[in-house]
PDB file of all heavy atoms in Angstrom:
ATOM      1  N   PHE A   1     164.298  67.114 165.180  1.00  0.00           N
ATOM      2  CA  PHE A   1     164.840  66.001 164.411  1.00  0.00           C
ATOM      3  C   PHE A   1     164.296  64.695 164.965  1.00  0.00           C
ATOM      4  O   PHE A   1     163.822  64.632 166.103  1.00  0.00           O
ATOM      5  CB  PHE A   1     166.378  65.979 164.464  1.00  0.00           C
ATOM      6  CG  PHE A   1     166.932  65.799 165.867  1.00  0.00           C
ATOM      7  CD1 PHE A   1     167.220  64.532 166.371  1.00  0.00           C
ATOM      8  CD2 PHE A   1     167.153  66.905 166.691  1.00  0.00           C
ATOM      9  CE1 PHE A   1     167.709  64.366 167.652  1.00  0.00           C
ATOM     10  CE2 PHE A   1     167.642  66.746 167.981  1.00  0.00           C
ATOM     11  CZ  PHE A   1     167.925  65.469 168.462  1.00  0.00           C
ATOM     12  N   ASN A   2     164.358  63.669 164.147  1.00  0.00           N
ATOM     13  CA  ASN A   2     164.003  62.316 164.571  1.00  0.00           C
ATOM     14  C   ASN A   2     165.304  61.548 164.744  1.00  0.00           C
ATOM     15  O   ASN A   2     166.030  61.308 163.769  1.00  0.00           O
ATOM     16  CB  ASN A   2     163.112  61.645 163.517  1.00  0.00           C
ATOM     17  CG  ASN A   2     162.754  60.212 163.890  1.00  0.00           C
ATOM     18  OD1 ASN A   2     163.202  59.683 164.908  1.00  0.00           O
ATOM     19  ND2 ASN A   2     161.961  59.558 163.046  1.00  0.00           N
ATOM     20  N   GLN A   3     165.644  61.192 165.972  1.00  0.00           N
ATOM     21  CA  GLN A   3     166.909  60.514 166.228  1.00  0.00           C
ATOM     22  C   GLN A   3     167.014  59.191 165.471  1.00  0.00           C
ATOM     23  O   GLN A   3     168.103  58.802 165.030  1.00  0.00           O
ATOM     24  CB  GLN A   3     167.121  60.293 167.731  1.00  0.00           C
ATOM     25  CG  GLN A   3     166.271  59.213 168.369  1.00  0.00           C
ATOM     26  CD  GLN A   3     164.851  59.691 168.661  1.00  0.00           C
ATOM     27  OE1 GLN A   3     164.524  60.863 168.460  1.00  0.00           O
ATOM     28  NE2 GLN A   3     164.024  58.791 169.147  1.00  0.00           N
ATOM     29  N   SER A   4     165.888  58.508 165.277  1.00  0.00           N
ATOM     30  CA  SER A   4     165.909  57.238 164.545  1.00  0.00           C
ATOM     31  C   SER A   4     166.223  57.463 163.062  1.00  0.00           C
ATOM     32  O   SER A   4     166.870  56.634 162.424  1.00  0.00           O
ATOM     33  CB  SER A   4     164.570  56.514 164.699  1.00  0.00           C
ATOM     34  OG  SER A   4     164.346  56.172 166.054  1.00  0.00           O
ATOM     35  N   ALA A   5     165.774  58.604 162.532  1.00  0.00           N
ATOM     36  CA  ALA A   5     166.082  58.926 161.139  1.00  0.00           C
ATOM     37  C   ALA A   5     167.569  59.232 160.976  1.00  0.00           C
ATOM     38  O   ALA A   5     168.183  58.855 159.967  1.00  0.00           O
ATOM     39  CB  ALA A   5     165.236  60.114 160.681  1.00  0.00           C
ATOM     40  N   LEU A   6     168.174  59.915 161.957  1.00  0.00           N
ATOM     41  CA  LEU A   6     169.608  60.170 161.905  1.00  0.00           C
ATOM     42  C   LEU A   6     170.386  58.858 161.920  1.00  0.00           C
ATOM     43  O   LEU A   6     171.357  58.681 161.177  1.00  0.00           O
ATOM     44  CB  LEU A   6     170.039  61.039 163.089  1.00  0.00           C
ATOM     45  CG  LEU A   6     169.461  62.458 163.161  1.00  0.00           C
ATOM     46  CD1 LEU A   6     170.001  63.176 164.398  1.00  0.00           C
ATOM     47  CD2 LEU A   6     169.805  63.245 161.909  1.00  0.00           C
ATOM     48  N   LEU A   7     169.961  57.931 162.766  1.00  0.00           N
ATOM     49  CA  LEU A   7     170.627  56.621 162.835  1.00  0.00           C
ATOM     50  C   LEU A   7     170.431  55.841 161.536  1.00  0.00           C
ATOM     51  O   LEU A   7     171.347  55.171 161.063  1.00  0.00           O
ATOM     52  CB  LEU A   7     170.085  55.832 164.028  1.00  0.00           C
ATOM     53  CG  LEU A   7     170.395  56.422 165.411  1.00  0.00           C
ATOM     54  CD1 LEU A   7     169.656  55.638 166.498  1.00  0.00           C
ATOM     55  CD2 LEU A   7     171.888  56.427 165.688  1.00  0.00           C
ATOM     56  N   ALA A   8     169.233  55.946 160.960  1.00  0.00           N
ATOM     57  CA  ALA A   8     168.956  55.257 159.694  1.00  0.00           C
ATOM     58  C   ALA A   8     169.880  55.761 158.587  1.00  0.00           C
ATOM     59  O   ALA A   8     170.390  54.979 157.768  1.00  0.00           O
ATOM     60  CB  ALA A   8     167.498  55.454 159.294  1.00  0.00           C
ATOM     61  N   GLN A   9     170.116  57.064 158.549  1.00  0.00           N
ATOM     62  CA  GLN A   9     170.993  57.626 157.528  1.00  0.00           C
ATOM     63  C   GLN A   9     172.433  57.166 157.715  1.00  0.00           C
ATOM     64  O   GLN A   9     173.145  56.898 156.740  1.00  0.00           O
ATOM     65  CB  GLN A   9     170.897  59.151 157.561  1.00  0.00           C
ATOM     66  CG  GLN A   9     169.549  59.669 157.067  1.00  0.00           C
ATOM     67  CD  GLN A   9     169.356  61.150 157.296  1.00  0.00           C
ATOM     68  OE1 GLN A   9     169.887  61.716 158.253  1.00  0.00           O
ATOM     69  NE2 GLN A   9     168.604  61.798 156.426  1.00  0.00           N
ATOM     70  N   GLU A  10     172.871  57.030 158.968  1.00  0.00           N
ATOM     71  CA  GLU A  10     174.222  56.531 159.231  1.00  0.00           C
ATOM     72  C   GLU A  10     174.344  55.065 158.837  1.00  0.00           C
ATOM     73  O   GLU A  10     175.358  54.635 158.271  1.00  0.00           O
ATOM     74  CB  GLU A  10     174.580  56.716 160.706  1.00  0.00           C
ATOM     75  CG  GLU A  10     174.800  58.162 161.116  1.00  0.00           C
ATOM     76  CD  GLU A  10     175.993  58.784 160.412  1.00  0.00           C
ATOM     77  OE1 GLU A  10     176.969  58.064 160.118  1.00  0.00           O
ATOM     78  OE2 GLU A  10     175.944  59.995 160.149  1.00  0.00           O
ATOM     79  N   ILE A  11     173.310  54.289 159.142  1.00  0.00           N
ATOM     80  CA  ILE A  11     173.311  52.878 158.750  1.00  0.00           C
ATOM     81  C   ILE A  11     173.424  52.756 157.239  1.00  0.00           C
ATOM     82  O   ILE A  11     174.197  51.937 156.714  1.00  0.00           O
ATOM     83  CB  ILE A  11     172.033  52.184 159.259  1.00  0.00           C
ATOM     84  CG1 ILE A  11     172.089  52.013 160.778  1.00  0.00           C
ATOM     85  CG2 ILE A  11     171.843  50.823 158.584  1.00  0.00           C
ATOM     86  CD1 ILE A  11     170.786  51.550 161.388  1.00  0.00           C
ATOM     87  N   ALA A  12     172.654  53.565 156.527  1.00  0.00           N
ATOM     88  CA  ALA A  12     172.695  53.535 155.067  1.00  0.00           C
ATOM     89  C   ALA A  12     174.086  53.871 154.554  1.00  0.00           C
ATOM     90  O   ALA A  12     174.603  53.242 153.623  1.00  0.00           O
ATOM     91  CB  ALA A  12     171.663  54.514 154.503  1.00  0.00           C
ATOM     92  N   ARG A  13     174.716  54.851 155.175  1.00  0.00           N
ATOM     93  CA  ARG A  13     176.042  55.289 154.724  1.00  0.00           C
ATOM     94  C   ARG A  13     177.083  54.201 154.897  1.00  0.00           C
ATOM     95  O   ARG A  13     177.997  54.063 154.080  1.00  0.00           O
ATOM     96  CB  ARG A  13     176.457  56.536 155.515  1.00  0.00           C
ATOM     97  CG  ARG A  13     177.694  57.223 154.989  1.00  0.00           C
ATOM     98  CD  ARG A  13     177.742  58.662 155.462  1.00  0.00           C
ATOM     99  NE  ARG A  13     177.980  58.776 156.872  1.00  0.00           N
ATOM    100  CZ  ARG A  13     179.198  58.847 157.415  1.00  0.00           C
ATOM    101  NH1 ARG A  13     180.273  58.791 156.644  1.00  0.00           N
ATOM    102  NH2 ARG A  13     179.349  58.983 158.707  1.00  0.00           N
ATOM    103  N   HIS A  14     176.947  53.391 155.947  1.00  0.00           N
ATOM    104  CA  HIS A  14     177.965  52.387 156.241  1.00  0.00           C
ATOM    105  C   HIS A  14     177.656  51.006 155.674  1.00  0.00           C
ATOM    106  O   HIS A  14     178.538  50.138 155.667  1.00  0.00           O
ATOM    107  CB  HIS A  14     178.173  52.280 157.752  1.00  0.00           C
ATOM    108  CG  HIS A  14     178.824  53.487 158.354  1.00  0.00           C
ATOM    109  ND1 HIS A  14     180.160  53.781 158.197  1.00  0.00           N
ATOM    110  CD2 HIS A  14     178.310  54.511 159.091  1.00  0.00           C
ATOM    111  CE1 HIS A  14     180.459  54.907 158.818  1.00  0.00           C
ATOM    112  NE2 HIS A  14     179.334  55.369 159.368  1.00  0.00           N
ATOM    113  N   THR A  15     176.431  50.770 155.234  1.00  0.00           N
ATOM    114  CA  THR A  15     176.071  49.447 154.709  1.00  0.00           C
ATOM    115  C   THR A  15     175.775  49.445 153.218  1.00  0.00           C
ATOM    116  O   THR A  15     175.755  48.386 152.590  1.00  0.00           O
ATOM    117  CB  THR A  15     174.833  48.889 155.438  1.00  0.00           C
ATOM    118  OG1 THR A  15     173.707  49.745 155.193  1.00  0.00           O
ATOM    119  CG2 THR A  15     175.081  48.758 156.939  1.00  0.00           C
ATOM    120  N   GLY A  16     175.508  50.617 152.653  1.00  0.00           N
ATOM    121  CA  GLY A  16     175.123  50.671 151.246  1.00  0.00           C
ATOM    122  C   GLY A  16     173.634  50.504 151.028  1.00  0.00           C
ATOM    123  O   GLY A  16     173.163  50.519 149.886  1.00  0.00           O
ATOM    124  N   ALA A  17     172.884  50.343 152.110  1.00  0.00           N
ATOM    125  CA  ALA A  17     171.415  50.291 152.000  1.00  0.00           C
ATOM    126  C   ALA A  17     170.888  51.686 151.677  1.00  0.00           C
ATOM    127  O   ALA A  17     171.592  52.691 151.846  1.00  0.00           O
ATOM    128  CB  ALA A  17     170.809  49.772 153.299  1.00  0.00           C
ATOM    129  N   LYS A  18     169.645  51.750 151.221  1.00  0.00           N
ATOM    130  CA  LYS A  18     169.061  53.033 150.807  1.00  0.00           C
ATOM    131  C   LYS A  18     168.113  53.544 151.891  1.00  0.00           C
ATOM    132  O   LYS A  18     167.182  52.844 152.281  1.00  0.00           O
ATOM    133  CB  LYS A  18     168.302  52.865 149.493  1.00  0.00           C
ATOM    134  CG  LYS A  18     167.786  54.179 148.921  1.00  0.00           C
ATOM    135  CD  LYS A  18     167.159  53.966 147.566  1.00  0.00           C
ATOM    136  CE  LYS A  18     166.660  55.281 146.975  1.00  0.00           C
ATOM    137  NZ  LYS A  18     167.751  56.254 146.790  1.00  0.00           N
ATOM    138  N   PRO A  19     168.317  54.777 152.372  1.00  0.00           N
ATOM    139  CA  PRO A  19     167.415  55.304 153.406  1.00  0.00           C
ATOM    140  C   PRO A  19     166.067  55.721 152.822  1.00  0.00           C
ATOM    141  O   PRO A  19     165.996  56.252 151.719  1.00  0.00           O
ATOM    142  CB  PRO A  19     168.176  56.529 153.940  1.00  0.00           C
ATOM    143  CG  PRO A  19     169.023  56.975 152.795  1.00  0.00           C
ATOM    144  CD  PRO A  19     169.407  55.725 152.043  1.00  0.00           C
ATOM    145  N   MET A  20     165.014  55.458 153.564  1.00  0.00           N
ATOM    146  CA  MET A  20     163.670  55.923 153.215  1.00  0.00           C
ATOM    147  C   MET A  20     163.045  56.439 154.508  1.00  0.00           C
ATOM    148  O   MET A  20     162.288  55.743 155.179  1.00  0.00           O
ATOM    149  CB  MET A  20     162.831  54.797 152.605  1.00  0.00           C
ATOM    150  CG  MET A  20     161.491  55.261 152.044  1.00  0.00           C
ATOM    151  SD  MET A  20     160.499  53.909 151.352  1.00  0.00           S
ATOM    152  CE  MET A  20     161.420  53.573 149.857  1.00  0.00           C
ATOM    153  N   VAL A  21     163.402  57.689 154.863  1.00  0.00           N
ATOM    154  CA  VAL A  21     163.090  58.190 156.195  1.00  0.00           C
ATOM    155  C   VAL A  21     161.622  58.541 156.399  1.00  0.00           C
ATOM    156  O   VAL A  21     161.186  58.736 157.538  1.00  0.00           O
ATOM    157  CB  VAL A  21     163.970  59.414 156.537  1.00  0.00           C
ATOM    158  CG1 VAL A  21     165.436  59.024 156.574  1.00  0.00           C
ATOM    159  CG2 VAL A  21     163.744  60.540 155.541  1.00  0.00           C
ATOM    160  N   ASP A  22     160.855  58.637 155.312  1.00  0.00           N
ATOM    161  CA  ASP A  22     159.447  59.001 155.458  1.00  0.00           C
ATOM    162  C   ASP A  22     158.503  57.855 155.086  1.00  0.00           C
ATOM    163  O   ASP A  22     157.327  58.084 154.790  1.00  0.00           O
ATOM    164  CB  ASP A  22     159.117  60.234 154.615  1.00  0.00           C
ATOM    165  CG  ASP A  22     159.389  60.019 153.122  1.00  0.00           C
ATOM    166  OD1 ASP A  22     160.005  58.992 152.771  1.00  0.00           O
ATOM    167  OD2 ASP A  22     158.991  60.882 152.324  1.00  0.00           O
ATOM    168  N   ALA A  23     158.990  56.622 155.106  1.00  0.00           N
ATOM    169  CA  ALA A  23     158.151  55.487 154.715  1.00  0.00           C
ATOM    170  C   ALA A  23     156.991  55.264 155.684  1.00  0.00           C
ATOM    171  O   ALA A  23     155.897  54.874 155.279  1.00  0.00           O
ATOM    172  CB  ALA A  23     158.992  54.216 154.612  1.00  0.00           C
ATOM    173  N   LEU A  24     157.231  55.515 156.972  1.00  0.00           N
ATOM    174  CA  LEU A  24     156.206  55.325 157.996  1.00  0.00           C
ATOM    175  C   LEU A  24     155.816  56.669 158.593  1.00  0.00           C
ATOM    176  O   LEU A  24     156.635  57.585 158.682  1.00  0.00           O
ATOM    177  CB  LEU A  24     156.722  54.408 159.106  1.00  0.00           C
ATOM    178  CG  LEU A  24     157.030  52.959 158.711  1.00  0.00           C
ATOM    179  CD1 LEU A  24     157.701  52.226 159.871  1.00  0.00           C
ATOM    180  CD2 LEU A  24     155.773  52.229 158.269  1.00  0.00           C
ATOM    181  N   VAL A  25     154.571  56.786 159.006  1.00  0.00           N
ATOM    182  CA  VAL A  25     154.084  58.011 159.647  1.00  0.00           C
ATOM    183  C   VAL A  25     153.372  57.639 160.947  1.00  0.00           C
ATOM    184  O   VAL A  25     152.748  56.581 161.049  1.00  0.00           O
ATOM    185  CB  VAL A  25     153.123  58.795 158.735  1.00  0.00           C
ATOM    186  CG1 VAL A  25     153.844  59.327 157.515  1.00  0.00           C
ATOM    187  CG2 VAL A  25     151.939  57.931 158.307  1.00  0.00           C
ATOM    188  N   ARG A  26     153.515  58.526 161.918  1.00  0.00           N
ATOM    189  CA  ARG A  26     152.780  58.350 163.182  1.00  0.00           C
ATOM    190  C   ARG A  26     151.514  59.176 163.070  1.00  0.00           C
ATOM    191  O   ARG A  26     151.554  60.402 163.042  1.00  0.00           O
ATOM    192  CB  ARG A  26     153.632  58.778 164.382  1.00  0.00           C
ATOM    193  CG  ARG A  26     153.123  58.163 165.697  1.00  0.00           C
ATOM    194  CD  ARG A  26     154.095  58.418 166.825  1.00  0.00           C
ATOM    195  NE  ARG A  26     155.269  57.581 166.776  1.00  0.00           N
ATOM    196  CZ  ARG A  26     155.572  56.631 167.665  1.00  0.00           C
ATOM    197  NH1 ARG A  26     154.727  56.373 168.654  1.00  0.00           N
ATOM    198  NH2 ARG A  26     156.678  55.938 167.561  1.00  0.00           N
ATOM    199  N   ARG A  27     150.384  58.486 162.955  1.00  0.00           N
ATOM    200  CA  ARG A  27     149.112  59.152 162.648  1.00  0.00           C
ATOM    201  C   ARG A  27     148.588  59.995 163.797  1.00  0.00           C
ATOM    202  O   ARG A  27     147.858  60.968 163.565  1.00  0.00           O
ATOM    203  CB  ARG A  27     148.075  58.091 162.280  1.00  0.00           C
ATOM    204  CG  ARG A  27     148.382  57.364 160.967  1.00  0.00           C
ATOM    205  CD  ARG A  27     147.510  56.159 160.817  1.00  0.00           C
ATOM    206  NE  ARG A  27     147.639  55.524 159.502  1.00  0.00           N
ATOM    207  CZ  ARG A  27     147.280  54.273 159.253  1.00  0.00           C
ATOM    208  NH1 ARG A  27     146.777  53.515 160.224  1.00  0.00           N
ATOM    209  NH2 ARG A  27     147.442  53.779 158.039  1.00  0.00           N
ATOM    210  N   ARG A  28     148.903  59.618 165.000  1.00  0.00           N
ATOM    211  CA  ARG A  28     148.439  60.414 166.138  1.00  0.00           C
ATOM    212  C   ARG A  28     149.530  60.434 167.201  1.00  0.00           C
ATOM    213  O   ARG A  28     150.383  59.548 167.259  1.00  0.00           O
ATOM    214  CB  ARG A  28     147.145  59.845 166.725  1.00  0.00           C
ATOM    215  CG  ARG A  28     147.276  58.494 167.383  1.00  0.00           C
ATOM    216  CD  ARG A  28     146.008  58.099 168.130  1.00  0.00           C
ATOM    217  NE  ARG A  28     146.196  56.918 168.931  1.00  0.00           N
ATOM    218  CZ  ARG A  28     146.050  55.671 168.497  1.00  0.00           C
ATOM    219  NH1 ARG A  28     145.692  55.444 167.245  1.00  0.00           N
ATOM    220  NH2 ARG A  28     146.241  54.654 169.302  1.00  0.00           N
ATOM    221  N   LYS A  29     149.487  61.453 168.021  1.00  0.00           N
ATOM    222  CA  LYS A  29     150.459  61.587 169.089  1.00  0.00           C
ATOM    223  C   LYS A  29     150.130  60.591 170.191  1.00  0.00           C
ATOM    224  O   LYS A  29     148.993  60.509 170.647  1.00  0.00           O
ATOM    225  CB  LYS A  29     150.443  63.018 169.644  1.00  0.00           C
ATOM    226  CG  LYS A  29     151.551  63.300 170.635  1.00  0.00           C
ATOM    227  CD  LYS A  29     151.521  64.752 171.079  1.00  0.00           C
ATOM    228  CE  LYS A  29     152.632  65.031 172.080  1.00  0.00           C
ATOM    229  NZ  LYS A  29     152.611  66.437 172.529  1.00  0.00           N
ATOM    230  N   THR A  30     151.112  59.826 170.603  1.00  0.00           N
ATOM    231  CA  THR A  30     150.906  58.827 171.654  1.00  0.00           C
ATOM    232  C   THR A  30     151.678  59.249 172.903  1.00  0.00           C
ATOM    233  O   THR A  30     152.701  59.928 172.807  1.00  0.00           O
ATOM    234  CB  THR A  30     151.395  57.439 171.202  1.00  0.00           C
ATOM    235  OG1 THR A  30     152.759  57.534 170.760  1.00  0.00           O
ATOM    236  CG2 THR A  30     150.544  56.924 170.057  1.00  0.00           C
ATOM    237  N   PRO A  31     151.198  58.859 174.074  1.00  0.00           N
ATOM    238  CA  PRO A  31     151.907  59.218 175.308  1.00  0.00           C
ATOM    239  C   PRO A  31     153.219  58.452 175.417  1.00  0.00           C
ATOM    240  O   PRO A  31     153.437  57.464 174.713  1.00  0.00           O
ATOM    241  CB  PRO A  31     150.920  58.798 176.401  1.00  0.00           C
ATOM    242  CG  PRO A  31     150.115  57.700 175.779  1.00  0.00           C
ATOM    243  CD  PRO A  31     149.982  58.072 174.331  1.00  0.00           C
ATOM    244  N   MET A  32     154.096  58.911 176.301  1.00  0.00           N
ATOM    245  CA  MET A  32     155.328  58.186 176.563  1.00  0.00           C
ATOM    246  C   MET A  32     154.973  56.802 177.101  1.00  0.00           C
ATOM    247  O   MET A  32     154.054  56.649 177.907  1.00  0.00           O
ATOM    248  CB  MET A  32     156.182  58.940 177.579  1.00  0.00           C
ATOM    249  CG  MET A  32     156.572  60.345 177.118  1.00  0.00           C
ATOM    250  SD  MET A  32     157.536  60.353 175.599  1.00  0.00           S
ATOM    251  CE  MET A  32     159.084  59.681 176.202  1.00  0.00           C
ATOM    252  N   LEU A  33     155.727  55.784 176.648  1.00  0.00           N
ATOM    253  CA  LEU A  33     155.385  54.400 176.983  1.00  0.00           C
ATOM    254  C   LEU A  33     156.058  53.898 178.255  1.00  0.00           C
ATOM    255  O   LEU A  33     155.758  52.804 178.709  1.00  0.00           O
ATOM    256  CB  LEU A  33     155.755  53.483 175.810  1.00  0.00           C
ATOM    257  CG  LEU A  33     155.073  53.811 174.480  1.00  0.00           C
ATOM    258  CD1 LEU A  33     155.535  52.822 173.414  1.00  0.00           C
ATOM    259  CD2 LEU A  33     153.563  53.777 174.619  1.00  0.00           C
ATOM    260  N   GLY A  34     156.968  54.684 178.803  1.00  0.00           N
ATOM    261  CA  GLY A  34     157.658  54.267 180.017  1.00  0.00           C
ATOM    262  C   GLY A  34     156.678  53.989 181.143  1.00  0.00           C
ATOM    263  O   GLY A  34     155.759  54.764 181.396  1.00  0.00           O
ATOM    264  N   GLY A  35     156.865  52.874 181.828  1.00  0.00           N
ATOM    265  CA  GLY A  35     155.996  52.503 182.946  1.00  0.00           C
ATOM    266  C   GLY A  35     154.801  51.670 182.547  1.00  0.00           C
ATOM    267  O   GLY A  35     154.091  51.146 183.416  1.00  0.00           O
ATOM    268  N   LEU A  36     154.547  51.545 181.227  1.00  0.00           N
ATOM    269  CA  LEU A  36     153.424  50.740 180.767  1.00  0.00           C
ATOM    270  C   LEU A  36     153.875  49.302 180.502  1.00  0.00           C
ATOM    271  O   LEU A  36     154.996  49.058 180.078  1.00  0.00           O
ATOM    272  CB  LEU A  36     152.831  51.323 179.475  1.00  0.00           C
ATOM    273  CG  LEU A  36     152.266  52.748 179.543  1.00  0.00           C
ATOM    274  CD1 LEU A  36     151.726  53.154 178.180  1.00  0.00           C
ATOM    275  CD2 LEU A  36     151.164  52.835 180.596  1.00  0.00           C
ATOM    276  N   GLY A  37     152.977  48.351 180.738  1.00  0.00           N
ATOM    277  CA  GLY A  37     153.263  46.955 180.450  1.00  0.00           C
ATOM    278  C   GLY A  37     153.127  46.679 178.960  1.00  0.00           C
ATOM    279  O   GLY A  37     152.623  47.504 178.198  1.00  0.00           O
ATOM    280  N   PRO A  38     153.560  45.490 178.505  1.00  0.00           N
ATOM    281  CA  PRO A  38     153.510  45.146 177.084  1.00  0.00           C
ATOM    282  C   PRO A  38     152.120  45.281 176.472  1.00  0.00           C
ATOM    283  O   PRO A  38     151.969  45.816 175.371  1.00  0.00           O
ATOM    284  CB  PRO A  38     154.000  43.698 177.065  1.00  0.00           C
ATOM    285  CG  PRO A  38     154.857  43.569 178.274  1.00  0.00           C
ATOM    286  CD  PRO A  38     154.208  44.446 179.304  1.00  0.00           C
ATOM    287  N   GLN A  39     151.087  44.806 177.181  1.00  0.00           N
ATOM    288  CA  GLN A  39     149.732  44.873 176.637  1.00  0.00           C
ATOM    289  C   GLN A  39     149.236  46.309 176.564  1.00  0.00           C
ATOM    290  O   GLN A  39     148.576  46.705 175.586  1.00  0.00           O
ATOM    291  CB  GLN A  39     148.784  44.024 177.485  1.00  0.00           C
ATOM    292  CG  GLN A  39     149.059  42.522 177.390  1.00  0.00           C
ATOM    293  CD  GLN A  39     148.064  41.701 178.193  1.00  0.00           C
ATOM    294  OE1 GLN A  39     147.380  42.212 179.074  1.00  0.00           O
ATOM    295  NE2 GLN A  39     147.987  40.412 177.881  1.00  0.00           N
ATOM    296  N   GLU A  40     149.584  47.123 177.570  1.00  0.00           N
ATOM    297  CA  GLU A  40     149.178  48.531 177.557  1.00  0.00           C
ATOM    298  C   GLU A  40     149.863  49.279 176.423  1.00  0.00           C
ATOM    299  O   GLU A  40     149.270  50.119 175.747  1.00  0.00           O
ATOM    300  CB  GLU A  40     149.518  49.184 178.900  1.00  0.00           C
ATOM    301  CG  GLU A  40     148.716  48.645 180.073  1.00  0.00           C
ATOM    302  CD  GLU A  40     149.246  49.162 181.397  1.00  0.00           C
ATOM    303  OE1 GLU A  40     150.455  48.957 181.664  1.00  0.00           O
ATOM    304  OE2 GLU A  40     148.476  49.788 182.142  1.00  0.00           O
TER     305      GLU A  40
END
């Protein structure tokens, strides 16, 4: 599951906004960002 998509659906339920969980796609797998600076 995508935790952000679950949160988006809850937001939609409580605000009346419309969820669009597949609007964005991650084109390639990226490494974990922890420990990297803003520019990295």
